[in-house]
Amino acid sequence: MPRRSPRALRATAPDRQSDSRKSTLLISACPGPPVCAAVHTYLFVDGLDVVARSDSRTAGLDPRQLLRPGGPLYPADTPRSAAVATGEPPESEPDRLTIEVRLRGETVIWSDLMYAGRDDTTVEEVRFDLEQYLGEIERAYAALKDHP
């Protein structure tokens, strides 16, 4: 096996995962003006900004909409489509970025993805440990109370 330089080592899962490899979700929110035009959510999977890498013309939806208890990111046994980002409407309908969210045992699966992963490979599906996933959504939602 070739030796890698320290810069090449990362504590993240590869873009194409087997069922045993889990990704890590990190959620952040932009407070809106004057930092940017509107309040929006950042969704980082294994350190990569999924929204920006999927469609740089969109921004994550308001975290109060995305992260609320029972909201679109909460998994269920039945797969459901969840809008996670939208763009400004240039002429008619705004662009929307949607993912499919489902629960399989103790694993949350996001599919219908298409974003550039590390080394420019295409990521189409990611899997999360249910406990880490729900903990991160709840942590990010609770942090909203500190920033009205």
C-alpha atoms as a PDB file:
ATOM      1  CA  MET A   1       0.000   0.000   0.000  1.00  0.00           C
ATOM      2  CA  PRO A   2       1.509   3.381  -0.932  1.00  0.00           C
ATOM      3  CA  ARG A   3       2.361   5.680   1.905  1.00  0.00           C
ATOM      4  CA  ARG A   4       0.248   8.864   2.031  1.00  0.00           C
ATOM      5  CA  SER A   5       1.388  12.248   3.126  1.00  0.00           C
ATOM      6  CA  PRO A   6      -0.290  13.628   6.287  1.00  0.00           C
ATOM      7  CA  ARG A   7      -2.244  16.118   4.155  1.00  0.00           C
ATOM      8  CA  ALA A   8      -3.865  13.265   2.221  1.00  0.00           C
ATOM      9  CA  LEU A   9      -5.163  11.537   5.346  1.00  0.00           C
ATOM     10  CA  ARG A  10      -8.707  12.433   6.322  1.00  0.00           C
ATOM     11  CA  ALA A  11     -10.977  11.196   9.071  1.00  0.00           C
ATOM     12  CA  THR A  12     -13.884  10.840   6.678  1.00  0.00           C
ATOM     13  CA  ALA A  13     -15.586   8.005   4.891  1.00  0.00           C
ATOM     14  CA  PRO A  14     -14.951   7.484   1.185  1.00  0.00           C
ATOM     15  CA  ASP A  15     -17.457   8.787  -1.345  1.00  0.00           C
ATOM     16  CA  ARG A  16     -18.674   5.335  -2.288  1.00  0.00           C
ATOM     17  CA  GLN A  17     -19.611   3.473   0.825  1.00  0.00           C
ATOM     18  CA  SER A  18     -20.460  -0.080   1.672  1.00  0.00           C
ATOM     19  CA  ASP A  19     -23.330  -0.707   4.085  1.00  0.00           C
ATOM     20  CA  SER A  20     -20.836  -0.834   6.963  1.00  0.00           C
ATOM     21  CA  ARG A  21     -19.432   2.684   6.371  1.00  0.00           C
ATOM     22  CA  LYS A  22     -21.348   5.595   7.858  1.00  0.00           C
ATOM     23  CA  SER A  23     -21.076   9.270   7.082  1.00  0.00           C
ATOM     24  CA  THR A  24     -21.162  12.086   9.608  1.00  0.00           C
ATOM     25  CA  LEU A  25     -23.645  14.956   9.459  1.00  0.00           C
ATOM     26  CA  LEU A  26     -22.811  18.455  10.674  1.00  0.00           C
ATOM     27  CA  ILE A  27     -25.391  21.242  10.459  1.00  0.00           C
ATOM     28  CA  SER A  28     -24.761  24.960  10.648  1.00  0.00           C
ATOM     29  CA  ALA A  29     -26.899  28.023  10.009  1.00  0.00           C
ATOM     30  CA  CYS A  30     -26.175  31.416   8.530  1.00  0.00           C
ATOM     31  CA  PRO A  31     -27.925  34.143  10.557  1.00  0.00           C
ATOM     32  CA  GLY A  32     -28.931  36.179   7.509  1.00  0.00           C
ATOM     33  CA  PRO A  33     -28.369  39.938   7.131  1.00  0.00           C
ATOM     34  CA  PRO A  34     -25.873  41.511   7.247  1.00  0.00           C
ATOM     35  CA  VAL A  35     -23.821  38.323   6.730  1.00  0.00           C
ATOM     36  CA  CYS A  36     -25.887  37.151   3.746  1.00  0.00           C
ATOM     37  CA  ALA A  37     -29.260  37.762   2.109  1.00  0.00           C
ATOM     38  CA  ALA A  38     -31.352  35.360   4.208  1.00  0.00           C
ATOM     39  CA  VAL A  39     -31.192  32.832   7.043  1.00  0.00           C
ATOM     40  CA  HIS A  40     -30.235  29.431   5.639  1.00  0.00           C
ATOM     41  CA  THR A  41     -28.939  26.003   6.615  1.00  0.00           C
ATOM     42  CA  TYR A  42     -25.607  24.418   5.748  1.00  0.00           C
ATOM     43  CA  LEU A  43     -25.565  20.614   5.540  1.00  0.00           C
ATOM     44  CA  PHE A  44     -22.084  19.111   5.754  1.00  0.00           C
ATOM     45  CA  VAL A  45     -21.638  15.412   5.047  1.00  0.00           C
ATOM     46  CA  ASP A  46     -18.163  14.177   5.906  1.00  0.00           C
ATOM     47  CA  GLY A  47     -17.003  17.781   5.878  1.00  0.00           C
ATOM     48  CA  LEU A  48     -18.423  18.603   2.435  1.00  0.00           C
ATOM     49  CA  ASP A  49     -21.132  21.237   1.885  1.00  0.00           C
ATOM     50  CA  VAL A  50     -23.820  19.157   0.168  1.00  0.00           C
ATOM     51  CA  VAL A  51     -25.913  22.139  -0.987  1.00  0.00           C
ATOM     52  CA  ALA A  52     -23.026  24.096  -2.527  1.00  0.00           C
ATOM     53  CA  ARG A  53     -21.591  20.977  -4.175  1.00  0.00           C
ATOM     54  CA  SER A  54     -24.997  19.926  -5.534  1.00  0.00           C
ATOM     55  CA  ASP A  55     -26.064  23.274  -6.979  1.00  0.00           C
ATOM     56  CA  SER A  56     -24.125  26.420  -6.146  1.00  0.00           C
ATOM     57  CA  ARG A  57     -27.103  28.558  -7.230  1.00  0.00           C
ATOM     58  CA  THR A  58     -29.152  27.378  -4.237  1.00  0.00           C
ATOM     59  CA  ALA A  59     -29.049  28.005  -0.503  1.00  0.00           C
ATOM     60  CA  GLY A  60     -30.275  25.749   2.281  1.00  0.00           C
ATOM     61  CA  LEU A  61     -33.784  26.383   3.548  1.00  0.00           C
ATOM     62  CA  ASP A  62     -34.448  28.210   6.811  1.00  0.00           C
ATOM     63  CA  PRO A  63     -33.250  25.976   9.671  1.00  0.00           C
ATOM     64  CA  ARG A  64     -36.524  26.474  11.554  1.00  0.00           C
ATOM     65  CA  GLN A  65     -38.265  24.823   8.604  1.00  0.00           C
ATOM     66  CA  LEU A  66     -35.702  22.070   7.950  1.00  0.00           C
ATOM     67  CA  LEU A  67     -34.774  21.104  11.500  1.00  0.00           C
ATOM     68  CA  ARG A  68     -38.041  21.401  13.404  1.00  0.00           C
ATOM     69  CA  PRO A  69     -39.187  18.253  15.221  1.00  0.00           C
ATOM     70  CA  GLY A  70     -40.879  15.988  12.688  1.00  0.00           C
ATOM     71  CA  GLY A  71     -39.566  18.213   9.876  1.00  0.00           C
ATOM     72  CA  PRO A  72     -38.362  17.141   6.448  1.00  0.00           C
ATOM     73  CA  LEU A  73     -35.004  15.760   7.609  1.00  0.00           C
ATOM     74  CA  TYR A  74     -36.513  13.435  10.203  1.00  0.00           C
ATOM     75  CA  PRO A  75     -36.409   9.874   8.842  1.00  0.00           C
ATOM     76  CA  ALA A  76     -39.241   7.384   8.646  1.00  0.00           C
ATOM     77  CA  ASP A  77     -39.522   3.806   7.395  1.00  0.00           C
ATOM     78  CA  THR A  78     -41.318   5.105   4.318  1.00  0.00           C
ATOM     79  CA  PRO A  79     -38.979   7.077   2.037  1.00  0.00           C
ATOM     80  CA  ARG A  80     -39.935  10.697   1.514  1.00  0.00           C
ATOM     81  CA  SER A  81     -38.660  13.489  -0.641  1.00  0.00           C
ATOM     82  CA  ALA A  82     -37.329  16.459   1.327  1.00  0.00           C
ATOM     83  CA  ALA A  83     -36.562  19.852  -0.162  1.00  0.00           C
ATOM     84  CA  VAL A  84     -33.373  21.077   1.511  1.00  0.00           C
ATOM     85  CA  ALA A  85     -32.432  24.110  -0.603  1.00  0.00           C
ATOM     86  CA  THR A  86     -33.892  26.556  -3.057  1.00  0.00           C
ATOM     87  CA  GLY A  87     -32.622  29.175  -5.459  1.00  0.00           C
ATOM     88  CA  GLU A  88     -33.915  32.587  -6.381  1.00  0.00           C
ATOM     89  CA  PRO A  89     -36.615  32.380  -9.020  1.00  0.00           C
ATOM     90  CA  PRO A  90     -35.047  33.814 -12.179  1.00  0.00           C
ATOM     91  CA  GLU A  91     -38.297  33.931 -14.105  1.00  0.00           C
ATOM     92  CA  SER A  92     -40.857  31.491 -12.787  1.00  0.00           C
ATOM     93  CA  GLU A  93     -40.387  28.627 -10.319  1.00  0.00           C
ATOM     94  CA  PRO A  94     -37.321  28.612  -8.066  1.00  0.00           C
ATOM     95  CA  ASP A  95     -34.836  25.756  -8.370  1.00  0.00           C
ATOM     96  CA  ARG A  96     -35.191  23.245  -5.536  1.00  0.00           C
ATOM     97  CA  LEU A  97     -32.687  20.740  -4.259  1.00  0.00           C
ATOM     98  CA  THR A  98     -34.418  17.649  -2.904  1.00  0.00           C
ATOM     99  CA  ILE A  99     -33.152  14.446  -1.361  1.00  0.00           C
ATOM    100  CA  GLU A 100     -34.866  11.220  -0.404  1.00  0.00           C
ATOM    101  CA  VAL A 101     -34.692  10.471   3.337  1.00  0.00           C
ATOM    102  CA  ARG A 102     -35.473   7.045   4.768  1.00  0.00           C
ATOM    103  CA  LEU A 103     -34.777   4.906   7.793  1.00  0.00           C
ATOM    104  CA  ARG A 104     -33.539   1.324   7.616  1.00  0.00           C
ATOM    105  CA  GLY A 105     -33.004  -0.120  11.079  1.00  0.00           C
ATOM    106  CA  GLU A 106     -30.509   2.152  12.856  1.00  0.00           C
ATOM    107  CA  THR A 107     -29.350   3.747   9.597  1.00  0.00           C
ATOM    108  CA  VAL A 108     -30.615   6.955   7.980  1.00  0.00           C
ATOM    109  CA  ILE A 109     -30.165   6.955   4.216  1.00  0.00           C
ATOM    110  CA  TRP A 110     -30.069  10.003   1.964  1.00  0.00           C
ATOM    111  CA  SER A 111     -30.430   9.130  -1.693  1.00  0.00           C
ATOM    112  CA  ASP A 112     -31.216  10.921  -4.955  1.00  0.00           C
ATOM    113  CA  LEU A 113     -28.048  12.909  -4.307  1.00  0.00           C
ATOM    114  CA  MET A 114     -25.666  14.080  -6.966  1.00  0.00           C
ATOM    115  CA  TYR A 115     -22.779  16.130  -5.678  1.00  0.00           C
ATOM    116  CA  ALA A 116     -19.048  16.174  -6.180  1.00  0.00           C
ATOM    117  CA  GLY A 117     -17.304  14.181  -3.506  1.00  0.00           C
ATOM    118  CA  ARG A 118     -13.626  14.073  -2.740  1.00  0.00           C
ATOM    119  CA  ASP A 119     -11.534  13.573  -5.858  1.00  0.00           C
ATOM    120  CA  ASP A 120     -14.538  14.732  -7.935  1.00  0.00           C
ATOM    121  CA  THR A 121     -16.342  11.399  -7.699  1.00  0.00           C
ATOM    122  CA  THR A 122     -20.131  11.636  -7.698  1.00  0.00           C
ATOM    123  CA  VAL A 123     -21.911  10.915  -4.427  1.00  0.00           C
ATOM    124  CA  GLU A 124     -25.406   9.507  -4.979  1.00  0.00           C
ATOM    125  CA  GLU A 125     -26.198   8.070  -1.539  1.00  0.00           C
ATOM    126  CA  VAL A 126     -24.956   8.480   2.030  1.00  0.00           C
ATOM    127  CA  ARG A 127     -25.734   6.593   5.217  1.00  0.00           C
ATOM    128  CA  PHE A 128     -25.710   7.898   8.779  1.00  0.00           C
ATOM    129  CA  ASP A 129     -25.854   6.296  12.196  1.00  0.00           C
ATOM    130  CA  LEU A 130     -29.350   7.128  13.518  1.00  0.00           C
ATOM    131  CA  GLU A 131     -28.112   8.321  16.916  1.00  0.00           C
ATOM    132  CA  GLN A 132     -25.484  10.694  15.466  1.00  0.00           C
ATOM    133  CA  TYR A 133     -27.909  11.962  12.829  1.00  0.00           C
ATOM    134  CA  LEU A 134     -30.785  12.755  15.194  1.00  0.00           C
ATOM    135  CA  GLY A 135     -28.378  14.169  17.770  1.00  0.00           C
ATOM    136  CA  GLU A 136     -26.973  16.599  15.213  1.00  0.00           C
ATOM    137  CA  ILE A 137     -30.420  17.743  14.042  1.00  0.00           C
ATOM    138  CA  GLU A 138     -31.517  18.277  17.653  1.00  0.00           C
ATOM    139  CA  ARG A 139     -28.264  20.108  18.532  1.00  0.00           C
ATOM    140  CA  ALA A 140     -28.578  22.431  15.549  1.00  0.00           C
ATOM    141  CA  TYR A 141     -32.267  23.119  16.243  1.00  0.00           C
ATOM    142  CA  ALA A 142     -31.565  23.878  19.907  1.00  0.00           C
ATOM    143  CA  ALA A 143     -28.814  26.310  18.851  1.00  0.00           C
ATOM    144  CA  LEU A 144     -31.450  28.357  17.010  1.00  0.00           C
ATOM    145  CA  LYS A 145     -32.861  29.448  20.378  1.00  0.00           C
ATOM    146  CA  ASP A 146     -29.554  31.236  21.048  1.00  0.00           C
ATOM    147  CA  HIS A 147     -29.821  33.192  17.772  1.00  0.00           C
ATOM    148  CA  PRO A 148     -33.357  34.480  17.189  1.00  0.00           C
END
